Amino acid sequence: METQGLNLFIVDDNKLMVTDLKHYLQNKFGQSVRVSTFNDGKSCLEKVDKETNIVILDYFMEGENGLEVLKSIKSINPKTEVIMLSSNEDIGLAIESFRNGAKDYIVKGSGSWSKLSKLLTMIITEPIRLMVREFGVSKFMATFLLTFTTMGIIVYAALQMMK
């Protein structure tokens, strides 16, 4: 049985950028993320659910306001981490994004994919850092415990499906 990765959505009306970013993230994170792409907020919102972990969202899309899409995502699933990715450097837009639940606001351009990659790594490894910080276990032990627990859940689910 194959383990499931995090569900990550990319929402941007620039189809070339979406395709390139998807390939970049798949090469960088492999099976730890499942990437779905959308060229508008409406189609994304139709798919957002409790299993949606991360959304990379363009602020300005043709005919749509990314801030409204952000609010809708957070109302559907408040736990979804939304990263605003925009070509606009207006600090007011960034502040408004944070006020409405965005995890970060990254300006498109040189180094933006690197920043995005670092942020995704932080989100993906948060359970390990939490165990280290809150319970004082070593990073190795936290990784071992999470892997052991995940494998146990997978085996249990497989046995339940075989009944």
N, C-alpha and C. Protein backbone atom coordinates (compact mmCIF):
# COMPACT_ATOMS: atom_id res chain seq x y z
N MET A 1 0.85 -1.18 0.00
CA MET A 1 0.00 0.00 0.00
C MET A 1 0.89 1.24 0.00
N GLU A 2 0.54 2.22 -0.79
CA GLU A 2 1.34 3.44 -0.93
C GLU A 2 0.84 4.50 0.04
N THR A 3 1.77 5.24 0.68
CA THR A 3 1.37 6.29 1.59
C THR A 3 0.87 7.50 0.80
N GLN A 4 -0.03 8.23 1.40
CA GLN A 4 -0.60 9.40 0.76
C GLN A 4 0.18 10.64 1.18
N GLY A 5 0.46 11.51 0.24
CA GLY A 5 1.15 12.75 0.55
C GLY A 5 0.16 13.84 0.89
N LEU A 6 0.70 15.01 1.17
CA LEU A 6 -0.14 16.18 1.43
C LEU A 6 -0.82 16.62 0.13
N ASN A 7 -2.03 17.11 0.26
CA ASN A 7 -2.75 17.65 -0.90
C ASN A 7 -2.38 19.12 -1.05
N LEU A 8 -1.79 19.47 -2.17
CA LEU A 8 -1.36 20.83 -2.45
C LEU A 8 -2.02 21.31 -3.73
N PHE A 9 -2.66 22.47 -3.66
CA PHE A 9 -3.31 23.06 -4.83
C PHE A 9 -2.52 24.29 -5.27
N ILE A 10 -2.38 24.45 -6.58
CA ILE A 10 -1.80 25.66 -7.16
C ILE A 10 -2.92 26.34 -7.94
N VAL A 11 -3.18 27.62 -7.63
CA VAL A 11 -4.26 28.36 -8.27
C VAL A 11 -3.69 29.63 -8.87
N ASP A 12 -3.66 29.69 -10.20
CA ASP A 12 -3.11 30.86 -10.90
C ASP A 12 -3.64 30.83 -12.33
N ASP A 13 -3.94 32.00 -12.89
CA ASP A 13 -4.45 32.04 -14.25
C ASP A 13 -3.34 31.99 -15.31
N ASN A 14 -2.09 31.99 -14.89
CA ASN A 14 -0.95 31.87 -15.81
C ASN A 14 -0.64 30.37 -15.95
N LYS A 15 -1.15 29.76 -17.03
CA LYS A 15 -1.05 28.31 -17.20
C LYS A 15 0.40 27.81 -17.28
N LEU A 16 1.27 28.56 -17.93
CA LEU A 16 2.67 28.17 -18.04
C LEU A 16 3.33 28.15 -16.67
N MET A 17 3.08 29.18 -15.87
CA MET A 17 3.66 29.25 -14.53
C MET A 17 3.15 28.10 -13.67
N VAL A 18 1.86 27.79 -13.77
CA VAL A 18 1.27 26.70 -13.00
C VAL A 18 1.94 25.38 -13.35
N THR A 19 2.10 25.11 -14.64
CA THR A 19 2.73 23.86 -15.09
C THR A 19 4.18 23.78 -14.61
N ASP A 20 4.92 24.85 -14.77
CA ASP A 20 6.33 24.86 -14.34
C ASP A 20 6.45 24.69 -12.83
N LEU A 21 5.61 25.38 -12.07
CA LEU A 21 5.66 25.27 -10.61
C LEU A 21 5.28 23.87 -10.15
N LYS A 22 4.29 23.27 -10.80
CA LYS A 22 3.90 21.90 -10.45
C LYS A 22 5.07 20.94 -10.65
N HIS A 23 5.74 21.02 -11.79
CA HIS A 23 6.88 20.14 -12.05
C HIS A 23 8.02 20.40 -11.06
N TYR A 24 8.27 21.65 -10.74
CA TYR A 24 9.30 22.01 -9.78
C TYR A 24 9.01 21.38 -8.42
N LEU A 25 7.77 21.52 -7.95
CA LEU A 25 7.40 20.99 -6.63
C LEU A 25 7.40 19.46 -6.62
N GLN A 26 6.96 18.84 -7.70
CA GLN A 26 6.99 17.38 -7.77
C GLN A 26 8.43 16.87 -7.75
N ASN A 27 9.31 17.55 -8.46
CA ASN A 27 10.73 17.14 -8.43
C ASN A 27 11.35 17.37 -7.06
N LYS A 28 10.97 18.44 -6.40
CA LYS A 28 11.54 18.80 -5.10
C LYS A 28 11.03 17.91 -3.98
N PHE A 29 9.72 17.63 -3.97
CA PHE A 29 9.11 16.93 -2.83
C PHE A 29 8.66 15.51 -3.13
N GLY A 30 8.66 15.11 -4.39
CA GLY A 30 8.31 13.73 -4.76
C GLY A 30 6.94 13.32 -4.27
N GLN A 31 6.87 12.17 -3.62
CA GLN A 31 5.60 11.59 -3.17
C GLN A 31 5.04 12.25 -1.91
N SER A 32 5.80 13.15 -1.29
CA SER A 32 5.28 13.77 -0.07
C SER A 32 4.20 14.81 -0.34
N VAL A 33 4.02 15.22 -1.61
CA VAL A 33 2.92 16.12 -1.97
C VAL A 33 2.22 15.62 -3.22
N ARG A 34 0.90 15.78 -3.23
CA ARG A 34 0.08 15.49 -4.41
C ARG A 34 -0.39 16.85 -4.91
N VAL A 35 0.06 17.24 -6.09
CA VAL A 35 -0.21 18.58 -6.62
C VAL A 35 -1.39 18.55 -7.59
N SER A 36 -2.36 19.43 -7.34
CA SER A 36 -3.48 19.65 -8.25
C SER A 36 -3.40 21.11 -8.69
N THR A 37 -3.74 21.37 -9.95
CA THR A 37 -3.65 22.74 -10.46
C THR A 37 -5.01 23.24 -10.91
N PHE A 38 -5.18 24.56 -10.77
CA PHE A 38 -6.43 25.22 -11.15
C PHE A 38 -6.07 26.56 -11.77
N ASN A 39 -6.82 26.96 -12.79
CA ASN A 39 -6.56 28.23 -13.45
C ASN A 39 -7.53 29.33 -13.01
N ASP A 40 -8.39 29.00 -12.05
CA ASP A 40 -9.28 30.01 -11.49
C ASP A 40 -9.70 29.58 -10.09
N GLY A 41 -10.15 30.54 -9.31
CA GLY A 41 -10.53 30.28 -7.94
C GLY A 41 -11.77 29.42 -7.82
N LYS A 42 -12.73 29.61 -8.74
CA LYS A 42 -13.99 28.87 -8.66
C LYS A 42 -13.76 27.37 -8.75
N SER A 43 -12.95 26.92 -9.71
CA SER A 43 -12.71 25.48 -9.85
C SER A 43 -11.94 24.93 -8.65
N CYS A 44 -11.07 25.74 -8.08
CA CYS A 44 -10.35 25.33 -6.87
C CYS A 44 -11.32 25.15 -5.71
N LEU A 45 -12.19 26.12 -5.51
CA LEU A 45 -13.13 26.07 -4.39
C LEU A 45 -14.06 24.87 -4.47
N GLU A 46 -14.33 24.39 -5.68
CA GLU A 46 -15.17 23.20 -5.85
C GLU A 46 -14.47 21.95 -5.31
N LYS A 47 -13.14 21.98 -5.22
CA LYS A 47 -12.37 20.81 -4.79
C LYS A 47 -11.83 20.92 -3.37
N VAL A 48 -11.80 22.13 -2.80
CA VAL A 48 -11.29 22.30 -1.43
C VAL A 48 -12.20 21.56 -0.47
N ASP A 49 -11.57 20.77 0.42
CA ASP A 49 -12.31 20.05 1.45
C ASP A 49 -11.42 19.86 2.68
N LYS A 50 -11.82 18.98 3.57
CA LYS A 50 -11.05 18.76 4.80
C LYS A 50 -9.69 18.13 4.54
N GLU A 51 -9.50 17.57 3.37
CA GLU A 51 -8.24 16.92 3.02
C GLU A 51 -7.28 17.86 2.30
N THR A 52 -7.66 19.10 2.09
CA THR A 52 -6.80 20.07 1.41
C THR A 52 -5.84 20.66 2.43
N ASN A 53 -4.55 20.38 2.23
CA ASN A 53 -3.54 20.81 3.20
C ASN A 53 -2.95 22.18 2.90
N ILE A 54 -2.59 22.41 1.64
CA ILE A 54 -1.88 23.64 1.27
C ILE A 54 -2.44 24.16 -0.05
N VAL A 55 -2.62 25.49 -0.14
CA VAL A 55 -3.03 26.12 -1.39
C VAL A 55 -2.05 27.25 -1.68
N ILE A 56 -1.46 27.23 -2.87
CA ILE A 56 -0.64 28.34 -3.35
C ILE A 56 -1.55 29.14 -4.27
N LEU A 57 -1.84 30.37 -3.89
CA LEU A 57 -2.89 31.14 -4.52
C LEU A 57 -2.38 32.47 -5.06
N ASP A 58 -2.64 32.71 -6.34
CA ASP A 58 -2.31 34.00 -6.96
C ASP A 58 -3.29 35.03 -6.40
N TYR A 59 -2.78 36.23 -6.12
CA TYR A 59 -3.64 37.28 -5.58
C TYR A 59 -4.55 37.87 -6.66
N PHE A 60 -3.97 38.16 -7.83
CA PHE A 60 -4.75 38.74 -8.91
C PHE A 60 -4.91 37.74 -10.05
N MET A 61 -6.15 37.31 -10.27
CA MET A 61 -6.46 36.44 -11.40
C MET A 61 -7.52 37.16 -12.22
N GLU A 62 -7.55 36.88 -13.48
CA GLU A 62 -8.49 37.56 -14.37
C GLU A 62 -9.92 37.41 -13.85
N GLY A 63 -10.53 38.54 -13.52
CA GLY A 63 -11.91 38.54 -13.08
C GLY A 63 -12.13 38.07 -11.65
N GLU A 64 -11.06 37.78 -10.92
CA GLU A 64 -11.21 37.27 -9.56
C GLU A 64 -10.26 37.98 -8.60
N ASN A 65 -10.67 37.99 -7.35
CA ASN A 65 -9.85 38.56 -6.30
C ASN A 65 -9.37 37.41 -5.42
N GLY A 66 -8.05 37.23 -5.35
CA GLY A 66 -7.48 36.15 -4.56
C GLY A 66 -7.85 36.24 -3.09
N LEU A 67 -8.06 37.45 -2.59
CA LEU A 67 -8.44 37.63 -1.19
C LEU A 67 -9.79 36.98 -0.91
N GLU A 68 -10.73 37.11 -1.84
CA GLU A 68 -12.04 36.48 -1.67
C GLU A 68 -11.93 34.96 -1.73
N VAL A 69 -11.07 34.47 -2.62
CA VAL A 69 -10.84 33.03 -2.70
C VAL A 69 -10.21 32.54 -1.40
N LEU A 70 -9.25 33.29 -0.86
CA LEU A 70 -8.61 32.96 0.42
C LEU A 70 -9.66 32.84 1.52
N LYS A 71 -10.55 33.81 1.62
CA LYS A 71 -11.60 33.79 2.65
C LYS A 71 -12.48 32.55 2.49
N SER A 72 -12.82 32.22 1.26
CA SER A 72 -13.67 31.05 1.01
C SER A 72 -12.95 29.75 1.39
N ILE A 73 -11.68 29.65 1.05
CA ILE A 73 -10.90 28.46 1.41
C ILE A 73 -10.89 28.30 2.92
N LYS A 74 -10.62 29.38 3.64
CA LYS A 74 -10.55 29.33 5.10
C LYS A 74 -11.91 29.02 5.73
N SER A 75 -13.00 29.43 5.08
CA SER A 75 -14.32 29.10 5.63
C SER A 75 -14.64 27.61 5.40
N ILE A 76 -14.15 27.04 4.32
CA ILE A 76 -14.36 25.62 4.04
C ILE A 76 -13.48 24.76 4.95
N ASN A 77 -12.20 25.13 5.06
CA ASN A 77 -11.26 24.38 5.89
C ASN A 77 -10.26 25.35 6.52
N PRO A 78 -10.52 25.75 7.76
CA PRO A 78 -9.63 26.71 8.43
C PRO A 78 -8.20 26.20 8.60
N LYS A 79 -8.00 24.89 8.54
CA LYS A 79 -6.65 24.32 8.73
C LYS A 79 -5.80 24.36 7.46
N THR A 80 -6.41 24.64 6.33
CA THR A 80 -5.66 24.71 5.08
C THR A 80 -4.68 25.87 5.15
N GLU A 81 -3.41 25.59 4.86
CA GLU A 81 -2.37 26.62 4.81
C GLU A 81 -2.43 27.27 3.43
N VAL A 82 -2.69 28.58 3.38
CA VAL A 82 -2.78 29.28 2.10
C VAL A 82 -1.58 30.21 1.97
N ILE A 83 -0.86 30.05 0.88
CA ILE A 83 0.30 30.90 0.59
C ILE A 83 -0.07 31.76 -0.61
N MET A 84 -0.08 33.07 -0.40
CA MET A 84 -0.38 33.99 -1.49
C MET A 84 0.90 34.18 -2.31
N LEU A 85 0.76 34.07 -3.62
CA LEU A 85 1.87 34.24 -4.55
C LEU A 85 1.45 35.29 -5.56
N SER A 86 2.09 36.46 -5.51
CA SER A 86 1.62 37.57 -6.33
C SER A 86 2.77 38.36 -6.92
N SER A 87 2.51 38.99 -8.03
CA SER A 87 3.51 39.88 -8.63
C SER A 87 3.42 41.28 -8.03
N ASN A 88 2.40 41.52 -7.20
CA ASN A 88 2.19 42.83 -6.60
C ASN A 88 2.97 42.94 -5.28
N GLU A 89 3.76 43.98 -5.16
CA GLU A 89 4.58 44.19 -3.97
C GLU A 89 3.92 45.09 -2.93
N ASP A 90 2.64 45.39 -3.09
CA ASP A 90 1.92 46.27 -2.17
C ASP A 90 1.83 45.65 -0.78
N ILE A 91 2.43 46.32 0.20
CA ILE A 91 2.45 45.81 1.57
C ILE A 91 1.03 45.72 2.14
N GLY A 92 0.16 46.61 1.70
CA GLY A 92 -1.23 46.58 2.16
C GLY A 92 -1.93 45.29 1.78
N LEU A 93 -1.66 44.81 0.56
CA LEU A 93 -2.26 43.54 0.12
C LEU A 93 -1.74 42.38 0.95
N ALA A 94 -0.45 42.43 1.26
CA ALA A 94 0.15 41.37 2.09
C ALA A 94 -0.48 41.37 3.48
N ILE A 95 -0.61 42.55 4.08
CA ILE A 95 -1.20 42.64 5.41
C ILE A 95 -2.64 42.14 5.40
N GLU A 96 -3.39 42.52 4.39
CA GLU A 96 -4.79 42.07 4.28
C GLU A 96 -4.85 40.55 4.11
N SER A 97 -3.89 39.98 3.39
CA SER A 97 -3.84 38.52 3.22
C SER A 97 -3.59 37.85 4.57
N PHE A 98 -2.63 38.38 5.33
CA PHE A 98 -2.35 37.80 6.65
C PHE A 98 -3.55 37.92 7.58
N ARG A 99 -4.23 39.05 7.54
CA ARG A 99 -5.42 39.24 8.39
C ARG A 99 -6.51 38.24 8.07
N ASN A 100 -6.53 37.76 6.85
CA ASN A 100 -7.57 36.81 6.43
C ASN A 100 -7.08 35.36 6.45
N GLY A 101 -5.94 35.12 7.07
CA GLY A 101 -5.51 33.74 7.31
C GLY A 101 -4.42 33.20 6.44
N ALA A 102 -3.80 34.02 5.59
CA ALA A 102 -2.70 33.51 4.76
C ALA A 102 -1.50 33.15 5.63
N LYS A 103 -0.84 32.09 5.27
CA LYS A 103 0.37 31.65 5.98
C LYS A 103 1.54 32.57 5.61
N ASP A 104 1.60 32.98 4.34
CA ASP A 104 2.67 33.86 3.87
C ASP A 104 2.23 34.55 2.59
N TYR A 105 2.99 35.57 2.23
CA TYR A 105 2.75 36.33 1.01
C TYR A 105 4.09 36.42 0.30
N ILE A 106 4.22 35.77 -0.84
CA ILE A 106 5.48 35.73 -1.58
C ILE A 106 5.31 36.48 -2.88
N VAL A 107 6.25 37.39 -3.14
CA VAL A 107 6.21 38.17 -4.38
C VAL A 107 6.91 37.36 -5.47
N LYS A 108 6.21 37.18 -6.60
CA LYS A 108 6.77 36.45 -7.73
C LYS A 108 8.03 37.16 -8.23
N GLY A 109 9.00 36.37 -8.64
CA GLY A 109 10.22 36.93 -9.17
C GLY A 109 11.40 36.08 -8.79
N SER A 110 12.57 36.64 -8.92
CA SER A 110 13.80 35.93 -8.63
C SER A 110 13.80 35.43 -7.18
N GLY A 111 13.97 34.15 -7.02
CA GLY A 111 14.03 33.56 -5.69
C GLY A 111 12.69 33.19 -5.09
N SER A 112 11.59 33.48 -5.76
CA SER A 112 10.28 33.20 -5.16
C SER A 112 10.02 31.70 -5.02
N TRP A 113 10.46 30.90 -5.97
CA TRP A 113 10.24 29.46 -5.87
C TRP A 113 11.09 28.87 -4.76
N SER A 114 12.28 29.41 -4.56
CA SER A 114 13.13 28.96 -3.46
C SER A 114 12.47 29.28 -2.12
N LYS A 115 11.92 30.48 -1.99
CA LYS A 115 11.21 30.86 -0.76
C LYS A 115 10.01 29.94 -0.55
N LEU A 116 9.29 29.66 -1.61
CA LEU A 116 8.13 28.79 -1.54
C LEU A 116 8.54 27.39 -1.11
N SER A 117 9.62 26.89 -1.67
CA SER A 117 10.14 25.57 -1.32
C SER A 117 10.51 25.49 0.15
N LYS A 118 11.16 26.51 0.68
CA LYS A 118 11.54 26.54 2.10
C LYS A 118 10.31 26.56 2.99
N LEU A 119 9.32 27.35 2.60
CA LEU A 119 8.09 27.43 3.38
C LEU A 119 7.35 26.10 3.38
N LEU A 120 7.28 25.44 2.23
CA LEU A 120 6.62 24.13 2.16
C LEU A 120 7.36 23.10 3.00
N THR A 121 8.67 23.15 2.99
CA THR A 121 9.47 22.24 3.82
C THR A 121 9.12 22.45 5.29
N MET A 122 8.99 23.72 5.70
CA MET A 122 8.63 24.03 7.10
C MET A 122 7.25 23.46 7.42
N ILE A 123 6.30 23.61 6.52
CA ILE A 123 4.94 23.11 6.76
C ILE A 123 4.95 21.58 6.84
N ILE A 124 5.65 20.94 5.94
CA ILE A 124 5.69 19.48 5.89
C ILE A 124 6.36 18.89 7.13
N THR A 125 7.39 19.55 7.63
CA THR A 125 8.14 19.02 8.78
C THR A 125 7.63 19.54 10.12
N GLU A 126 6.55 20.30 10.14
CA GLU A 126 6.01 20.87 11.39
C GLU A 126 5.74 19.82 12.46
N PRO A 127 5.16 18.65 12.14
CA PRO A 127 4.93 17.67 13.20
C PRO A 127 6.22 17.24 13.91
N ILE A 128 7.29 17.12 13.17
CA ILE A 128 8.57 16.73 13.77
C ILE A 128 9.07 17.84 14.69
N ARG A 129 9.04 19.09 14.20
CA ARG A 129 9.50 20.21 15.02
C ARG A 129 8.64 20.38 16.26
N LEU A 130 7.33 20.12 16.15
CA LEU A 130 6.43 20.21 17.29
C LEU A 130 6.80 19.18 18.35
N MET A 131 7.07 17.95 17.94
CA MET A 131 7.46 16.91 18.90
C MET A 131 8.78 17.25 19.58
N VAL A 132 9.72 17.79 18.82
CA VAL A 132 11.01 18.16 19.40
C VAL A 132 10.81 19.29 20.42
N ARG A 133 10.05 20.30 20.04
CA ARG A 133 9.84 21.48 20.89
C ARG A 133 8.99 21.16 22.12
N GLU A 134 7.88 20.46 21.94
CA GLU A 134 6.93 20.25 23.03
C GLU A 134 7.28 19.09 23.95
N PHE A 135 7.88 18.05 23.38
CA PHE A 135 8.14 16.84 24.18
C PHE A 135 9.62 16.60 24.43
N GLY A 136 10.47 17.42 23.86
CA GLY A 136 11.90 17.32 24.11
C GLY A 136 12.57 16.09 23.54
N VAL A 137 11.93 15.43 22.58
CA VAL A 137 12.56 14.26 21.98
C VAL A 137 13.53 14.72 20.89
N SER A 138 14.47 13.86 20.54
CA SER A 138 15.42 14.21 19.49
C SER A 138 14.71 14.21 18.14
N LYS A 139 15.31 14.89 17.17
CA LYS A 139 14.73 14.94 15.83
C LYS A 139 14.65 13.53 15.24
N PHE A 140 15.67 12.72 15.50
CA PHE A 140 15.68 11.33 15.02
C PHE A 140 14.50 10.56 15.61
N MET A 141 14.31 10.68 16.93
CA MET A 141 13.23 9.95 17.61
C MET A 141 11.87 10.43 17.12
N ALA A 142 11.71 11.72 16.91
CA ALA A 142 10.44 12.26 16.41
C ALA A 142 10.14 11.70 15.02
N THR A 143 11.14 11.67 14.16
CA THR A 143 10.97 11.11 12.82
C THR A 143 10.61 9.64 12.89
N PHE A 144 11.31 8.90 13.75
CA PHE A 144 11.03 7.48 13.94
C PHE A 144 9.60 7.26 14.42
N LEU A 145 9.17 8.01 15.44
CA LEU A 145 7.83 7.85 15.99
C LEU A 145 6.75 8.16 14.97
N LEU A 146 6.94 9.23 14.22
CA LEU A 146 5.95 9.58 13.20
C LEU A 146 5.89 8.54 12.09
N THR A 147 7.05 8.04 11.67
CA THR A 147 7.09 7.00 10.64
C THR A 147 6.43 5.72 11.15
N PHE A 148 6.76 5.33 12.39
CA PHE A 148 6.20 4.14 13.00
C PHE A 148 4.69 4.26 13.12
N THR A 149 4.21 5.40 13.57
CA THR A 149 2.77 5.64 13.71
C THR A 149 2.07 5.60 12.36
N THR A 150 2.66 6.25 11.38
CA THR A 150 2.08 6.26 10.03
C THR A 150 1.99 4.85 9.46
N MET A 151 3.05 4.09 9.61
CA MET A 151 3.04 2.72 9.11
C MET A 151 1.99 1.88 9.84
N GLY A 152 1.85 2.09 11.15
CA GLY A 152 0.83 1.37 11.92
C GLY A 152 -0.57 1.68 11.42
N ILE A 153 -0.83 2.94 11.13
CA ILE A 153 -2.14 3.34 10.62
C ILE A 153 -2.39 2.70 9.25
N ILE A 154 -1.38 2.67 8.41
CA ILE A 154 -1.52 2.07 7.08
C ILE A 154 -1.80 0.58 7.18
N VAL A 155 -1.06 -0.11 8.05
CA VAL A 155 -1.27 -1.56 8.23
C VAL A 155 -2.67 -1.81 8.78
N TYR A 156 -3.06 -1.04 9.77
CA TYR A 156 -4.39 -1.19 10.35
C TYR A 156 -5.48 -0.98 9.30
N ALA A 157 -5.34 0.07 8.50
CA ALA A 157 -6.32 0.35 7.45
C ALA A 157 -6.36 -0.78 6.43
N ALA A 158 -5.20 -1.31 6.08
CA ALA A 158 -5.15 -2.42 5.10
C ALA A 158 -5.83 -3.66 5.68
N LEU A 159 -5.60 -3.93 6.94
CA LEU A 159 -6.24 -5.10 7.57
C LEU A 159 -7.76 -4.92 7.64
N GLN A 160 -8.20 -3.70 7.91
CA GLN A 160 -9.65 -3.44 7.96
C GLN A 160 -10.29 -3.60 6.59
N MET A 161 -9.57 -3.23 5.55
CA MET A 161 -10.09 -3.35 4.19
C MET A 161 -10.14 -4.81 3.75
N MET A 162 -9.32 -5.66 4.32
CA MET A 162 -9.28 -7.07 3.95
C MET A 162 -10.40 -7.87 4.60
N LYS A 163 -11.03 -7.30 5.63
CA LYS A 163 -12.09 -8.02 6.33
C LYS A 163 -13.33 -8.15 5.49
